[in-house]
Amino acid sequence: MNAAIEVDDSEILIEDAFKEGFDGLIKMIKNLIEFGQGQNEINMNVDSEQMTVFILSSMEVHWPSRLYKDKRY
């Protein structure tokens, strides 16, 4: 994961590869939340996208905000 911090100064191809991988992680977590909602294990009022961002940010993963240049991470 620390390699992603270096993306700022790297070639665009590497950045795109990291984004693609991280997009997959975001999608997986979001799908798990929605699956849990379908199983009545997670409240339907929970916004799966907001919860995904919360989960990732609470893991102290700071590199997504640099990778995406988006402070919501």
C-alpha atoms as a PDB file:
ATOM      1  CA  MET A   1       0.000   0.000   0.000  1.00  0.00           C
ATOM      2  CA  ASN A   2       2.853   2.395   0.644  1.00  0.00           C
ATOM      3  CA  ALA A   3       3.725   2.108  -3.021  1.00  0.00           C
ATOM      4  CA  ALA A   4       0.528   3.980  -3.834  1.00  0.00           C
ATOM      5  CA  ILE A   5       1.904   7.045  -2.077  1.00  0.00           C
ATOM      6  CA  GLU A   6       4.645   7.111  -4.664  1.00  0.00           C
ATOM      7  CA  VAL A   7       2.031   7.301  -7.425  1.00  0.00           C
ATOM      8  CA  ASP A   8       2.063  11.104  -7.249  1.00  0.00           C
ATOM      9  CA  ASP A   9       5.393  11.132  -9.043  1.00  0.00           C
ATOM     10  CA  SER A  10       4.916   7.995 -11.124  1.00  0.00           C
ATOM     11  CA  GLU A  11       3.755   7.334 -14.620  1.00  0.00           C
ATOM     12  CA  ILE A  12       0.050   7.500 -15.371  1.00  0.00           C
ATOM     13  CA  LEU A  13      -0.082   3.783 -16.203  1.00  0.00           C
ATOM     14  CA  ILE A  14       0.894   2.867 -12.659  1.00  0.00           C
ATOM     15  CA  GLU A  15      -1.648   5.295 -11.257  1.00  0.00           C
ATOM     16  CA  ASP A  16      -4.353   3.798 -13.457  1.00  0.00           C
ATOM     17  CA  ALA A  17      -3.444   0.289 -12.263  1.00  0.00           C
ATOM     18  CA  PHE A  18      -3.727   1.356  -8.621  1.00  0.00           C
ATOM     19  CA  LYS A  19      -7.048   3.063  -9.296  1.00  0.00           C
ATOM     20  CA  GLU A  20      -8.371  -0.035 -11.023  1.00  0.00           C
ATOM     21  CA  GLY A  21      -7.388  -2.212  -8.074  1.00  0.00           C
ATOM     22  CA  PHE A  22      -8.789   0.210  -5.532  1.00  0.00           C
ATOM     23  CA  ASP A  23     -12.016   0.544  -7.534  1.00  0.00           C
ATOM     24  CA  GLY A  24     -12.366  -3.227  -7.203  1.00  0.00           C
ATOM     25  CA  LEU A  25     -11.915  -2.999  -3.431  1.00  0.00           C
ATOM     26  CA  ILE A  26     -14.525  -0.237  -3.201  1.00  0.00           C
ATOM     27  CA  LYS A  27     -16.966  -2.261  -5.299  1.00  0.00           C
ATOM     28  CA  MET A  28     -16.374  -5.397  -3.207  1.00  0.00           C
ATOM     29  CA  ILE A  29     -17.038  -3.628   0.108  1.00  0.00           C
ATOM     30  CA  LYS A  30     -20.098  -1.836  -1.297  1.00  0.00           C
ATOM     31  CA  ASN A  31     -21.472  -5.140  -2.635  1.00  0.00           C
ATOM     32  CA  LEU A  32     -20.902  -6.832   0.744  1.00  0.00           C
ATOM     33  CA  ILE A  33     -22.867  -4.072   2.480  1.00  0.00           C
ATOM     34  CA  GLU A  34     -25.699  -4.359  -0.037  1.00  0.00           C
ATOM     35  CA  PHE A  35     -25.678  -8.153   0.309  1.00  0.00           C
ATOM     36  CA  GLY A  36     -25.930  -7.750   4.083  1.00  0.00           C
ATOM     37  CA  GLN A  37     -28.864  -5.399   3.599  1.00  0.00           C
ATOM     38  CA  GLY A  38     -30.557  -7.984   1.390  1.00  0.00           C
ATOM     39  CA  GLN A  39     -30.064 -10.553   4.169  1.00  0.00           C
ATOM     40  CA  ASN A  40     -31.460  -8.116   6.766  1.00  0.00           C
ATOM     41  CA  GLU A  41     -28.106  -8.105   8.549  1.00  0.00           C
ATOM     42  CA  ILE A  42     -27.384  -4.445   7.806  1.00  0.00           C
ATOM     43  CA  ASN A  43     -29.981  -1.726   8.194  1.00  0.00           C
ATOM     44  CA  MET A  44     -31.461  -0.624   4.860  1.00  0.00           C
ATOM     45  CA  ASN A  45     -30.977   3.033   5.898  1.00  0.00           C
ATOM     46  CA  VAL A  46     -27.206   2.604   5.706  1.00  0.00           C
ATOM     47  CA  ASP A  47     -25.816   4.273   2.578  1.00  0.00           C
ATOM     48  CA  SER A  48     -23.484   1.635   1.143  1.00  0.00           C
ATOM     49  CA  GLU A  49     -21.224   4.161  -0.613  1.00  0.00           C
ATOM     50  CA  GLN A  50     -20.830   6.373   2.459  1.00  0.00           C
ATOM     51  CA  MET A  51     -20.223   3.333   4.659  1.00  0.00           C
ATOM     52  CA  THR A  52     -17.570   2.059   2.248  1.00  0.00           C
ATOM     53  CA  VAL A  53     -15.732   5.385   2.421  1.00  0.00           C
ATOM     54  CA  PHE A  54     -16.043   5.325   6.222  1.00  0.00           C
ATOM     55  CA  ILE A  55     -14.668   1.792   6.464  1.00  0.00           C
ATOM     56  CA  LEU A  56     -11.687   2.576   4.271  1.00  0.00           C
ATOM     57  CA  SER A  57     -10.928   5.862   6.008  1.00  0.00           C
ATOM     58  CA  SER A  58     -11.234   4.291   9.465  1.00  0.00           C
ATOM     59  CA  MET A  59      -8.560   1.769   8.492  1.00  0.00           C
ATOM     60  CA  GLU A  60      -6.187   4.744   8.367  1.00  0.00           C
ATOM     61  CA  VAL A  61      -5.621   4.214   4.683  1.00  0.00           C
ATOM     62  CA  HIS A  62      -4.524   7.685   3.604  1.00  0.00           C
ATOM     63  CA  TRP A  63      -3.281   6.944   0.121  1.00  0.00           C
ATOM     64  CA  PRO A  64      -6.697   6.818  -1.628  1.00  0.00           C
ATOM     65  CA  SER A  65      -7.143  10.570  -1.132  1.00  0.00           C
ATOM     66  CA  ARG A  66      -3.805  11.154  -2.834  1.00  0.00           C
ATOM     67  CA  LEU A  67      -4.468   8.600  -5.543  1.00  0.00           C
ATOM     68  CA  TYR A  68      -7.889   9.975  -6.454  1.00  0.00           C
ATOM     69  CA  LYS A  69      -7.129  13.553  -5.424  1.00  0.00           C
ATOM     70  CA  ASP A  70     -10.420  13.381  -3.494  1.00  0.00           C
ATOM     71  CA  LYS A  71     -10.532  14.413   0.160  1.00  0.00           C
ATOM     72  CA  ARG A  72     -13.594  12.270   0.961  1.00  0.00           C
ATOM     73  CA  TYR A  73     -11.172   9.371   1.432  1.00  0.00           C
END
